Amino acid sequence: MCGLGGYVGTGSQQVLDRMTKLLAHRGPDAQGTWLGDGAGLAHTRLAILDLSPAGNQPMGDPGGSVYTAVNGEIYNFWELRQELERAGYRFRSRSDTEVLVHGYRYWGESILPRLRGMFAFAIWDEPHRQLLLARDRLGIKPLFYVQLRDGLVFGSEIKALFAHPSVHPEMEAAAVDEYLALGYVASPRTIFKGVHALPPGHWLRWRVGALETGRYWAPDFRQSALEGSEDDLVDELDARLNDAVRSHLLADVPVGVFLSGGIDSSLVAAIAQRQGPEPLHTFTIGFAGGGDERAYARQVSAHIGSRHHERLAEPALEEELPQLLWHLEQPLFDNSVLPTHLVSQLAREQVKVVLSGDGGDEPFAGYDWTRWALVLPSLPLAPVGGGWQWAYRTGKIGVLQRLYYDLSHPAEERYLRRMTASRSFRHWLCTPEYLEQIGRDAVDGLRGLLRDAPVRDRREAFLHADLSGFLPDDILFKVDRMSMAHSLEVRVPLLDHQLLEWVLRLPWAMRFRHGRGKYLLRRVAARYLPAPILKPRKQGFTVPVGRWLHGELGDLARAVFASQVFAARGIIRQDKALQLLAMHRSGRYELGHRIWSLVVLETWCRVWLDGQSHAQSLRALLAERGEPV
């Protein structure tokens, strides 16, 4: 795993040097730049394959016609190398980067569908004066760019783009509404005006000022459904999982596994442990007072024989938040950001590479919002009106409110209700001045993913939306940023595209049965894991934000909402933010995520718009809470 940056058009060595400094956390083992005529590349290396200097980047071919910088891993590089050697190419290293250099020379842009891995890369083609950017199929590795009047600036992280004197941080108003609606900013938009994310499975070509983009892969459920008995499908999934995990263990350094105690990470850990004789390192994190599944992780570790590491963390979101948002670069109110950061910190003490269980929920209908969209019938009931429809109470009254909503709305609206904050809520919350800057409904993009989903069965539209939106823009975005903050490479074998393309062909009953998802995956997991791990329960690295807001974290939120800085921001109505907090702390409503999203947004503004450093932002927050600084 590495960091890359560069430009075409106007730039300088100073720009490249600043990029390497800003991306140093992604690659502390080596830094390099290449400066050409009208183009430049910067790279920071986390050495995983071929640890020698021969693997350093940017890397060019012997004739100086092609230069590249890559972030990620190409798992089938050895097979591709053998093809290229038969075609007459000679290699100086054992790195996958050199395979990309020669592969581009041999196959051109048609190399993209040949690659198996997670990657984002830039290739400068000197004879054609052309830049090619590309991103892996699922969006595991990030890539951002800004189009300038006379060129392009690009990088693994947005902060690297600000190394160029023509690029400045300015907030995109519509993206804030998208964040408030979804909890993340959906690509290709970012929170910064003029900064774009190259979407998953896409390429970008720049030549003589002309910019063109296209898509080379997308999740497609329309292929013919798999046939065969259920037992045959279990055997085939088992074999494909083993192949995916085996390929992702490729490294010249030790590899560990994130182990939350849930089915996905436990299955990955169990299969990985069987691939070698030495005990794997496994890692988990827990929080006192909630969000603690260390006991399940211990049980799995004992069952598979791994060398387990765990840590019980203290609730410290308010102290970590400014630094987290510096690394995230965009507001994200996924409450697993902090534990992902902490478990990455723990893992980096032992290894450079870990496998994770991310990617098991999306294609197997594993999320609760999909479950509740599907298990209940739609009845001809009159929807409940009123402006407080979004503020469900806790306890039995809240359960009845949610049940009535589900029964009186179609499946798509149930899904959207659980995935988004409604437009009525956002209009109640935001200032009129801010709302005047907003165009279309921020939820329209998600509706489009449902409407246009390439599926055989309309129920698969929910899975398509999860794979195309929530997975890359929330889950994978968070994992990349929090792991790379600690120079840790995270690999996701459940998102191996060869495995996933097979999974997308499964009949619906092999995904979702008896009101639960992951049917076939659970059957495979039963071969590897103890029975208690297979029982349905809350899983994953999470923190009890709602509970914490009843204590010191709530005091911090109140101080932030009551501050003049927050009011002058002109986005959120100060009285409504304080009202939300009071409603939550009364115990009659559960609004923890909504409140925390506002604290995250304000902290992001202070770090990225007000120019406060991590420490300055933290001191400002603590000062508003009345604590000594």
Foldseek 3Di string as FASTA:
>chain_A
DKKKKKKFADDDPQLQVVLCVLGCLQAVLDKDKDDDDRMIMIMHHDAWFQSDCLPDDQDADPVRQKTKYKDWAFLCLVVLVVVLVVVPDDDDTRGSNVSVRSVCVVPNPVCQVVTWTFMWMWMQGRVQRKIKIAGAAQQLFWKKWAQDQGIIIIISDPVSSVSGVVDAFDADLQQVLLCQWFLFRWFQDARGPRMGIQAHQKMWMDGRSDIDMDGDDADFLQPAFDDDDLVVVLVVLLVLLLVLLVSVCDTPWAEAAEFFLALQRLLSLLSNLVVDDDAHEYEFEAEPPDLDPVVSSVQSCVQRVHNYDYYYDYPDCLLCQLVLCVLLVGGGLAQLLVRLLVRLLVCLVPTQEYEYRPPLCLLQVADPLLLLLPDEEADCDDQDDDLCLLWAWDDPRSVVSLVVNSNNDHSVVSSSSVRTDDPSVQVVWWDPVSVVSHDDNSCVVLVVQLVPHNHPDSSSSRSSSCSRTVCNRHVSSSNVRSNSSNSHHYGYSSVRPVSSSNSSSHDSCCAADPSHGPNSSLVSSVVRHDPVSSDDDDIDRGDPQLVCCLDPVVLLLLLCLPDPLNCVVRTTHSVVLVVLSVVSNVNTTRCRSSNSSSVSVSSSCCVRVVVDHSVRSSCVSVVSSVDDD
